[in-house]
């Protein structure tokens, strides 16, 4: 499936799940897309207790583990 240039791939640090857009992640966790955007852009510490980061679509499991160690201490 081709990547939509307007979509930003995001990773939920809490559980390691990757989403093709902030909207997809927001639907999964029952939170607003703007909450995720504010958290990613450092305007909030978390998005309703969840940590999100933008990632390349080809991120590895090893990279995910490193990000989880960095965020969740």
N, C-alpha and C. Protein backbone atom coordinates (compact mmCIF):
# COMPACT_ATOMS: atom_id res chain seq x y z
N UNK A 1 0.85 -1.19 0.00
CA UNK A 1 0.00 0.00 0.00
C UNK A 1 0.88 1.24 0.00
N UNK A 2 0.70 2.17 -0.93
CA UNK A 2 1.53 3.36 -1.00
C UNK A 2 1.27 4.30 0.17
N UNK A 3 2.34 4.95 0.62
CA UNK A 3 2.22 5.92 1.70
C UNK A 3 1.59 7.21 1.17
N UNK A 4 0.64 7.75 1.91
CA UNK A 4 0.06 9.05 1.59
C UNK A 4 1.01 10.10 2.14
N UNK A 5 1.45 11.03 1.30
CA UNK A 5 2.43 12.03 1.72
C UNK A 5 1.91 12.93 2.83
N UNK A 6 0.59 13.04 2.98
CA UNK A 6 0.03 13.90 4.01
C UNK A 6 -0.09 13.20 5.36
N UNK A 7 0.11 11.90 5.39
CA UNK A 7 -0.02 11.15 6.63
C UNK A 7 1.34 11.00 7.30
N UNK A 8 1.32 11.07 8.61
CA UNK A 8 2.52 10.92 9.40
C UNK A 8 2.41 9.61 10.17
N UNK A 9 3.36 8.71 9.97
CA UNK A 9 3.37 7.44 10.68
C UNK A 9 3.77 7.70 12.13
N UNK A 10 2.98 7.18 13.06
CA UNK A 10 3.26 7.40 14.48
C UNK A 10 3.37 6.08 15.22
N UNK A 11 4.17 6.11 16.27
CA UNK A 11 4.38 4.97 17.13
C UNK A 11 3.86 5.31 18.51
N UNK A 12 3.06 4.41 19.09
CA UNK A 12 2.67 4.56 20.48
C UNK A 12 3.76 3.89 21.31
N UNK A 13 4.47 4.68 22.07
CA UNK A 13 5.58 4.17 22.87
C UNK A 13 5.09 3.16 23.91
N UNK A 14 3.91 3.40 24.47
CA UNK A 14 3.41 2.54 25.54
C UNK A 14 3.32 1.08 25.15
N UNK A 15 2.81 0.80 23.95
CA UNK A 15 2.61 -0.60 23.57
C UNK A 15 3.35 -1.01 22.30
N UNK A 16 4.07 -0.08 21.67
CA UNK A 16 4.86 -0.41 20.50
C UNK A 16 4.08 -0.54 19.21
N UNK A 17 2.82 -0.12 19.19
CA UNK A 17 2.00 -0.21 17.98
C UNK A 17 2.28 0.97 17.05
N UNK A 18 2.32 0.67 15.76
CA UNK A 18 2.57 1.69 14.74
C UNK A 18 1.28 1.96 13.99
N UNK A 19 1.01 3.24 13.73
CA UNK A 19 -0.20 3.65 13.02
C UNK A 19 0.18 4.50 11.83
N UNK A 20 -0.57 4.35 10.75
CA UNK A 20 -0.29 5.07 9.51
C UNK A 20 -0.66 6.54 9.58
N UNK A 21 -1.38 6.93 10.63
CA UNK A 21 -1.73 8.35 10.79
C UNK A 21 -2.09 8.62 12.25
N UNK A 22 -2.06 9.88 12.61
CA UNK A 22 -2.49 10.26 13.96
C UNK A 22 -3.97 9.95 14.15
N UNK A 23 -4.75 10.09 13.09
CA UNK A 23 -6.18 9.80 13.18
C UNK A 23 -6.41 8.32 13.49
N UNK A 24 -5.67 7.43 12.86
CA UNK A 24 -5.80 6.00 13.14
C UNK A 24 -5.47 5.71 14.60
N UNK A 25 -4.40 6.32 15.10
CA UNK A 25 -4.02 6.12 16.51
C UNK A 25 -5.08 6.70 17.44
N UNK A 26 -5.59 7.87 17.11
CA UNK A 26 -6.60 8.50 17.95
C UNK A 26 -7.85 7.63 18.07
N UNK A 27 -8.27 7.05 16.97
CA UNK A 27 -9.44 6.16 16.99
C UNK A 27 -9.18 4.93 17.85
N UNK A 28 -7.97 4.37 17.75
CA UNK A 28 -7.63 3.17 18.51
C UNK A 28 -7.68 3.41 20.02
N UNK A 29 -7.20 4.57 20.47
CA UNK A 29 -7.10 4.84 21.90
C UNK A 29 -8.24 5.69 22.45
N UNK A 30 -9.15 6.10 21.57
CA UNK A 30 -10.29 6.88 22.02
C UNK A 30 -9.92 8.27 22.50
N UNK A 31 -8.91 8.86 21.86
CA UNK A 31 -8.49 10.22 22.20
C UNK A 31 -8.53 11.07 20.93
N UNK A 32 -8.35 12.36 21.09
CA UNK A 32 -8.42 13.23 19.92
C UNK A 32 -7.09 13.25 19.16
N UNK A 33 -7.21 13.47 17.88
CA UNK A 33 -6.03 13.60 17.03
C UNK A 33 -5.21 14.81 17.48
N UNK A 34 -5.88 15.86 17.91
CA UNK A 34 -5.15 17.06 18.34
C UNK A 34 -4.36 16.80 19.62
N UNK A 35 -4.84 15.91 20.49
CA UNK A 35 -4.10 15.56 21.70
C UNK A 35 -2.78 14.88 21.33
N UNK A 36 -2.84 14.01 20.34
CA UNK A 36 -1.62 13.33 19.87
C UNK A 36 -0.68 14.35 19.22
N UNK A 37 -1.21 15.21 18.40
CA UNK A 37 -0.40 16.23 17.74
C UNK A 37 0.28 17.14 18.76
N UNK A 38 -0.46 17.59 19.77
CA UNK A 38 0.13 18.45 20.80
C UNK A 38 1.24 17.73 21.56
N UNK A 39 1.06 16.46 21.85
CA UNK A 39 2.07 15.70 22.57
C UNK A 39 3.31 15.51 21.70
N UNK A 40 3.12 15.17 20.43
CA UNK A 40 4.25 15.00 19.53
C UNK A 40 5.03 16.30 19.37
N UNK A 41 4.33 17.42 19.35
CA UNK A 41 4.97 18.73 19.17
C UNK A 41 5.41 19.36 20.48
N UNK A 42 5.51 18.55 21.53
CA UNK A 42 6.04 18.96 22.85
C UNK A 42 5.22 20.02 23.56
N UNK A 43 3.94 20.11 23.25
CA UNK A 43 3.09 21.05 23.95
C UNK A 43 2.42 20.38 25.15
N UNK A 44 2.46 19.06 25.18
CA UNK A 44 1.92 18.27 26.29
C UNK A 44 2.90 17.13 26.56
N UNK A 45 2.97 16.71 27.83
CA UNK A 45 3.85 15.60 28.18
C UNK A 45 3.31 14.28 27.62
N UNK A 46 2.01 14.07 27.73
CA UNK A 46 1.39 12.86 27.21
C UNK A 46 0.08 13.21 26.51
N UNK A 47 -0.44 12.25 25.78
CA UNK A 47 -1.77 12.37 25.18
C UNK A 47 -2.65 11.39 25.95
N UNK A 48 -3.29 11.88 26.99
CA UNK A 48 -4.13 11.05 27.86
C UNK A 48 -3.37 9.84 28.40
N UNK A 49 -2.11 10.07 28.78
CA UNK A 49 -1.30 9.01 29.36
C UNK A 49 -0.47 8.22 28.35
N UNK A 50 -0.63 8.50 27.07
CA UNK A 50 0.10 7.81 26.03
C UNK A 50 1.21 8.70 25.47
N UNK A 51 2.31 8.08 25.10
CA UNK A 51 3.42 8.77 24.45
C UNK A 51 3.44 8.37 22.98
N UNK A 52 3.54 9.35 22.10
CA UNK A 52 3.61 9.10 20.66
C UNK A 52 4.82 9.80 20.07
N UNK A 53 5.40 9.20 19.05
CA UNK A 53 6.47 9.82 18.29
C UNK A 53 6.24 9.53 16.81
N UNK A 54 6.72 10.41 15.97
CA UNK A 54 6.66 10.14 14.53
C UNK A 54 7.84 9.23 14.19
N UNK A 55 7.61 8.33 13.28
CA UNK A 55 8.64 7.36 12.90
C UNK A 55 8.61 7.12 11.39
N UNK A 56 9.72 6.66 10.84
CA UNK A 56 9.69 6.25 9.44
C UNK A 56 8.87 4.97 9.31
N UNK A 57 8.27 4.75 8.18
CA UNK A 57 7.41 3.57 8.03
C UNK A 57 8.18 2.26 8.11
N UNK A 58 9.51 2.31 7.98
CA UNK A 58 10.32 1.09 8.02
C UNK A 58 11.09 0.93 9.34
N UNK A 59 10.57 1.43 10.43
CA UNK A 59 11.24 1.34 11.72
C UNK A 59 11.37 -0.14 12.13
N UNK A 60 12.46 -0.46 12.81
CA UNK A 60 12.71 -1.84 13.22
C UNK A 60 12.23 -2.06 14.66
N UNK A 61 12.07 -3.32 15.01
CA UNK A 61 11.68 -3.67 16.39
C UNK A 61 12.75 -3.21 17.37
N UNK A 62 14.00 -3.29 16.98
CA UNK A 62 15.09 -2.83 17.83
C UNK A 62 14.96 -1.33 18.12
N UNK A 63 14.67 -0.55 17.08
CA UNK A 63 14.49 0.89 17.25
C UNK A 63 13.31 1.21 18.17
N UNK A 64 12.25 0.43 18.04
CA UNK A 64 11.08 0.63 18.90
C UNK A 64 11.46 0.41 20.36
N UNK A 65 12.21 -0.65 20.63
CA UNK A 65 12.64 -0.95 22.01
C UNK A 65 13.50 0.18 22.56
N UNK A 66 14.38 0.74 21.74
CA UNK A 66 15.21 1.86 22.19
C UNK A 66 14.37 3.08 22.53
N UNK A 67 13.37 3.37 21.70
CA UNK A 67 12.49 4.51 21.98
C UNK A 67 11.70 4.28 23.26
N UNK A 68 11.23 3.06 23.48
CA UNK A 68 10.48 2.75 24.69
C UNK A 68 11.34 2.95 25.93
N UNK A 69 12.60 2.54 25.89
CA UNK A 69 13.51 2.73 27.03
C UNK A 69 13.74 4.21 27.30
N UNK A 70 13.81 4.99 26.24
CA UNK A 70 14.06 6.43 26.36
C UNK A 70 12.87 7.16 27.01
N UNK A 71 11.67 6.80 26.63
CA UNK A 71 10.48 7.51 27.09
C UNK A 71 9.92 7.00 28.41
N UNK A 72 9.94 5.69 28.60
CA UNK A 72 9.29 5.12 29.78
C UNK A 72 10.38 4.66 30.74
N UNK A 73 10.50 5.38 31.82
CA UNK A 73 11.53 5.08 32.82
C UNK A 73 10.90 4.82 34.16
